[in-house]
N, C-alpha and C. Protein backbone atom coordinates (compact mmCIF):
# COMPACT_ATOMS: atom_id res chain seq x y z
N MET A 1 0.85 -1.17 0.00
CA MET A 1 0.00 0.00 0.00
C MET A 1 0.90 1.23 0.00
N GLY A 2 0.61 2.18 -0.87
CA GLY A 2 1.36 3.42 -0.90
C GLY A 2 0.90 4.36 0.17
N CYS A 3 1.73 5.30 0.51
CA CYS A 3 1.41 6.22 1.59
C CYS A 3 0.21 7.10 1.27
N CYS A 4 0.00 7.33 0.02
CA CYS A 4 -1.10 8.22 -0.35
C CYS A 4 -2.34 7.45 -0.79
N SER A 5 -2.41 6.18 -0.44
CA SER A 5 -3.61 5.41 -0.75
C SER A 5 -4.44 5.27 0.51
N ASN A 6 -5.61 4.70 0.36
CA ASN A 6 -6.40 4.47 1.56
C ASN A 6 -6.42 2.99 1.88
N ASN A 7 -6.94 2.65 3.05
CA ASN A 7 -6.95 1.26 3.50
C ASN A 7 -8.27 0.57 3.23
N GLY A 8 -9.05 1.10 2.31
CA GLY A 8 -10.33 0.51 1.98
C GLY A 8 -11.48 1.09 2.78
N SER A 9 -11.18 1.87 3.79
CA SER A 9 -12.23 2.44 4.63
C SER A 9 -12.69 3.80 4.13
N GLY A 10 -11.99 4.33 3.12
CA GLY A 10 -12.30 5.68 2.65
C GLY A 10 -11.40 6.70 3.31
N ALA A 11 -10.74 6.31 4.39
CA ALA A 11 -9.81 7.21 5.06
C ALA A 11 -8.49 7.18 4.31
N GLY A 12 -7.74 8.23 4.45
CA GLY A 12 -6.44 8.31 3.81
C GLY A 12 -5.59 9.35 4.51
N PRO A 13 -4.45 9.70 3.93
CA PRO A 13 -3.52 10.61 4.58
C PRO A 13 -4.03 12.04 4.73
N PHE A 14 -5.17 12.35 4.11
CA PHE A 14 -5.72 13.69 4.23
C PHE A 14 -7.03 13.70 5.03
N ALA A 15 -7.32 12.58 5.69
CA ALA A 15 -8.51 12.48 6.55
C ALA A 15 -8.33 13.41 7.75
N GLN A 16 -9.37 13.54 8.53
CA GLN A 16 -9.35 14.42 9.70
C GLN A 16 -9.64 13.62 10.97
N GLY A 17 -9.18 14.11 12.10
CA GLY A 17 -9.52 13.56 13.40
C GLY A 17 -9.20 12.09 13.56
N ARG A 18 -10.14 11.38 14.17
CA ARG A 18 -9.95 9.96 14.48
C ARG A 18 -9.66 9.15 13.22
N GLU A 19 -10.32 9.46 12.10
CA GLU A 19 -10.08 8.72 10.86
C GLU A 19 -8.61 8.77 10.46
N LEU A 20 -7.99 9.94 10.57
CA LEU A 20 -6.58 10.08 10.23
C LEU A 20 -5.71 9.31 11.20
N VAL A 21 -5.99 9.40 12.49
CA VAL A 21 -5.20 8.68 13.49
C VAL A 21 -5.28 7.17 13.23
N GLU A 22 -6.46 6.65 12.99
CA GLU A 22 -6.60 5.23 12.71
C GLU A 22 -5.90 4.83 11.42
N PHE A 23 -5.97 5.67 10.39
CA PHE A 23 -5.30 5.39 9.13
C PHE A 23 -3.79 5.30 9.32
N VAL A 24 -3.20 6.31 9.97
CA VAL A 24 -1.75 6.33 10.16
C VAL A 24 -1.32 5.17 11.06
N TYR A 25 -2.10 4.87 12.09
CA TYR A 25 -1.77 3.77 13.00
C TYR A 25 -1.66 2.45 12.25
N GLN A 26 -2.54 2.24 11.26
CA GLN A 26 -2.58 0.98 10.52
C GLN A 26 -1.73 0.97 9.25
N ALA A 27 -1.30 2.13 8.78
CA ALA A 27 -0.59 2.24 7.51
C ALA A 27 0.67 1.38 7.48
N HIS A 28 0.90 0.78 6.35
CA HIS A 28 2.10 -0.05 6.14
C HIS A 28 2.19 -1.16 7.18
N GLY A 29 1.08 -1.76 7.51
CA GLY A 29 1.07 -2.85 8.46
C GLY A 29 1.45 -2.43 9.87
N GLY A 30 1.30 -1.16 10.18
CA GLY A 30 1.64 -0.64 11.51
C GLY A 30 3.04 -0.10 11.62
N ALA A 31 3.84 -0.24 10.56
CA ALA A 31 5.24 0.20 10.61
C ALA A 31 5.40 1.71 10.69
N LEU A 32 4.45 2.44 10.20
CA LEU A 32 4.56 3.90 10.15
C LEU A 32 4.37 4.55 11.51
N ARG A 33 3.53 3.97 12.36
CA ARG A 33 3.12 4.63 13.60
C ARG A 33 4.28 5.02 14.50
N GLU A 34 5.34 4.23 14.55
CA GLU A 34 6.47 4.52 15.44
C GLU A 34 7.67 5.09 14.71
N ARG A 35 7.52 5.37 13.43
CA ARG A 35 8.63 5.94 12.66
C ARG A 35 8.84 7.39 13.08
N PRO A 36 10.08 7.78 13.35
CA PRO A 36 10.34 9.17 13.77
C PRO A 36 10.01 10.18 12.66
N ILE A 37 9.49 11.31 13.07
CA ILE A 37 9.25 12.42 12.16
C ILE A 37 10.57 13.15 12.00
N SER A 38 10.93 13.48 10.77
CA SER A 38 12.22 14.14 10.52
C SER A 38 12.32 15.46 11.26
N GLY A 39 13.54 15.83 11.58
CA GLY A 39 13.78 17.10 12.27
C GLY A 39 13.51 17.03 13.77
N GLY A 40 13.33 15.83 14.30
CA GLY A 40 13.09 15.70 15.74
C GLY A 40 11.64 15.80 16.14
N GLY A 41 10.73 15.84 15.19
CA GLY A 41 9.31 15.89 15.50
C GLY A 41 8.71 17.26 15.32
N LEU A 42 7.44 17.37 15.69
CA LEU A 42 6.69 18.61 15.55
C LEU A 42 6.26 19.13 16.92
N LYS A 43 6.46 20.42 17.14
CA LYS A 43 5.94 21.05 18.36
C LYS A 43 4.43 21.06 18.27
N ALA A 44 3.79 20.51 19.29
CA ALA A 44 2.35 20.37 19.26
C ALA A 44 1.72 20.89 20.53
N THR A 45 0.46 21.22 20.43
CA THR A 45 -0.37 21.53 21.58
C THR A 45 -1.46 20.48 21.61
N CYS A 46 -1.58 19.79 22.73
CA CYS A 46 -2.59 18.74 22.85
C CYS A 46 -3.97 19.33 22.60
N GLN A 47 -4.70 18.69 21.72
CA GLN A 47 -6.04 19.15 21.41
C GLN A 47 -7.06 18.64 22.42
N GLY A 48 -6.58 17.89 23.42
CA GLY A 48 -7.44 17.41 24.49
C GLY A 48 -7.31 18.27 25.73
N CYS A 49 -6.06 18.47 26.21
CA CYS A 49 -5.84 19.20 27.46
C CYS A 49 -5.14 20.54 27.28
N GLY A 50 -4.62 20.80 26.08
CA GLY A 50 -3.94 22.07 25.82
C GLY A 50 -2.47 22.10 26.20
N GLY A 51 -1.95 20.98 26.68
CA GLY A 51 -0.55 20.92 27.08
C GLY A 51 0.39 20.83 25.89
N PRO A 52 1.59 21.39 26.01
CA PRO A 52 2.57 21.31 24.93
C PRO A 52 3.28 19.96 24.95
N PHE A 53 3.63 19.47 23.78
CA PHE A 53 4.45 18.25 23.67
C PHE A 53 5.06 18.20 22.28
N ILE A 54 5.98 17.29 22.09
CA ILE A 54 6.59 17.06 20.78
C ILE A 54 6.00 15.77 20.22
N LEU A 55 5.41 15.85 19.04
CA LEU A 55 4.96 14.65 18.34
C LEU A 55 6.19 14.13 17.60
N ALA A 56 6.87 13.16 18.20
CA ALA A 56 8.14 12.66 17.69
C ALA A 56 7.98 11.57 16.64
N THR A 57 6.85 10.86 16.69
CA THR A 57 6.55 9.80 15.72
C THR A 57 5.21 10.12 15.07
N PHE A 58 4.86 9.41 14.02
CA PHE A 58 3.66 9.74 13.27
C PHE A 58 2.37 9.53 14.07
N VAL A 59 2.40 8.68 15.08
CA VAL A 59 1.30 8.55 16.05
C VAL A 59 1.94 8.69 17.43
N GLY A 60 1.38 9.57 18.25
CA GLY A 60 1.93 9.78 19.58
C GLY A 60 0.86 10.23 20.55
N LYS A 61 1.26 10.20 21.83
CA LYS A 61 0.32 10.58 22.89
C LYS A 61 0.85 11.78 23.66
N CYS A 62 -0.05 12.60 24.12
CA CYS A 62 0.28 13.71 24.99
C CYS A 62 0.76 13.11 26.31
N PRO A 63 1.91 13.54 26.81
CA PRO A 63 2.39 12.99 28.08
C PRO A 63 1.55 13.40 29.28
N ALA A 64 0.81 14.48 29.17
CA ALA A 64 0.00 14.96 30.29
C ALA A 64 -1.32 14.20 30.43
N CYS A 65 -2.03 13.99 29.31
CA CYS A 65 -3.37 13.38 29.41
C CYS A 65 -3.53 12.08 28.62
N GLY A 66 -2.54 11.73 27.80
CA GLY A 66 -2.61 10.51 27.00
C GLY A 66 -3.40 10.66 25.72
N GLY A 67 -3.81 11.88 25.37
CA GLY A 67 -4.56 12.11 24.13
C GLY A 67 -3.74 11.68 22.92
N VAL A 68 -4.35 10.92 22.01
CA VAL A 68 -3.67 10.36 20.85
C VAL A 68 -3.77 11.32 19.67
N HIS A 69 -2.61 11.62 19.09
CA HIS A 69 -2.51 12.53 17.96
C HIS A 69 -1.72 11.83 16.85
N ALA A 70 -1.91 12.28 15.61
CA ALA A 70 -1.16 11.73 14.49
C ALA A 70 -1.06 12.77 13.38
N VAL A 71 -0.09 12.53 12.53
CA VAL A 71 0.06 13.32 11.31
C VAL A 71 0.52 12.34 10.23
N SER A 72 0.09 12.54 9.00
CA SER A 72 0.50 11.66 7.91
C SER A 72 1.77 12.21 7.27
N PRO A 73 2.61 11.35 6.72
CA PRO A 73 3.87 11.81 6.12
C PRO A 73 3.72 12.94 5.11
N PRO A 74 2.72 12.89 4.20
CA PRO A 74 2.65 13.99 3.23
C PRO A 74 2.32 15.35 3.86
N ARG A 75 1.84 15.33 5.11
CA ARG A 75 1.43 16.58 5.77
C ARG A 75 2.29 16.89 7.00
N SER A 76 3.39 16.16 7.18
CA SER A 76 4.17 16.28 8.41
C SER A 76 5.10 17.48 8.46
N GLY A 77 5.04 18.35 7.49
CA GLY A 77 5.87 19.55 7.51
C GLY A 77 5.27 20.70 8.30
N ASP A 78 4.03 20.55 8.76
CA ASP A 78 3.35 21.65 9.43
C ASP A 78 2.57 21.13 10.64
N PRO A 79 2.88 21.63 11.85
CA PRO A 79 2.16 21.18 13.04
C PRO A 79 0.64 21.41 12.97
N ALA A 80 0.20 22.32 12.13
CA ALA A 80 -1.24 22.57 11.98
C ALA A 80 -1.98 21.36 11.43
N ASN A 81 -1.24 20.42 10.83
CA ASN A 81 -1.86 19.23 10.25
C ASN A 81 -1.99 18.07 11.24
N ILE A 82 -1.53 18.24 12.46
CA ILE A 82 -1.67 17.20 13.48
C ILE A 82 -3.15 17.05 13.82
N GLN A 83 -3.60 15.81 13.84
CA GLN A 83 -5.00 15.50 14.13
C GLN A 83 -5.12 14.80 15.48
N PHE A 84 -6.23 15.00 16.15
CA PHE A 84 -6.53 14.45 17.47
C PHE A 84 -7.65 13.42 17.32
N ALA A 85 -7.48 12.27 17.96
CA ALA A 85 -8.46 11.20 17.83
C ALA A 85 -9.69 11.39 18.71
N GLY A 86 -9.62 12.28 19.68
CA GLY A 86 -10.76 12.51 20.57
C GLY A 86 -10.46 11.99 21.97
N LYS A 87 -11.12 12.58 22.95
CA LYS A 87 -10.86 12.23 24.34
C LYS A 87 -11.22 10.80 24.69
N ASP A 88 -12.11 10.19 23.94
CA ASP A 88 -12.54 8.83 24.26
C ASP A 88 -11.81 7.77 23.44
N PHE A 89 -10.72 8.13 22.76
CA PHE A 89 -9.98 7.20 21.91
C PHE A 89 -8.76 6.67 22.65
N PHE A 90 -8.56 5.36 22.55
CA PHE A 90 -7.38 4.72 23.13
C PHE A 90 -6.74 3.83 22.08
N LEU A 91 -5.41 3.77 22.09
CA LEU A 91 -4.71 2.86 21.20
C LEU A 91 -4.98 1.42 21.63
N PRO A 92 -4.99 0.48 20.68
CA PRO A 92 -5.28 -0.92 21.06
C PRO A 92 -4.38 -1.45 22.17
N GLU A 93 -3.10 -1.10 22.17
CA GLU A 93 -2.21 -1.60 23.22
C GLU A 93 -2.54 -0.99 24.59
N ASP A 94 -3.14 0.19 24.61
CA ASP A 94 -3.55 0.80 25.88
C ASP A 94 -4.76 0.09 26.46
N ARG A 95 -5.64 -0.40 25.58
CA ARG A 95 -6.83 -1.12 26.05
C ARG A 95 -6.42 -2.45 26.69
N LEU A 96 -5.37 -3.07 26.16
CA LEU A 96 -4.91 -4.35 26.70
C LEU A 96 -4.31 -4.20 28.10
N SER A 97 -3.68 -3.07 28.35
CA SER A 97 -3.03 -2.87 29.64
C SER A 97 -3.97 -2.28 30.69
N ALA A 98 -5.17 -1.89 30.27
CA ALA A 98 -6.12 -1.27 31.22
C ALA A 98 -6.85 -2.29 32.06
């Protein structure tokens, strides 16, 4: 699957909110989610609690509240493109440890 394709759900690298987070999390068989963003990441403001953090990988969590954020590679040059999955969203591995 190419980075600019969708996963069959209609979501893709230009989706918004939870759709984008889920797309990036699953992209390339999950390999993309932990790949570092070039330049050391993006300065971000958590869209859940308002706290500052660095989105260092394409999917990451706010260290203050755990809010899940993501950005797709074609849009990773601008922090304004970071999307928030919503306050009620948890990564699958977080559900297993809860």
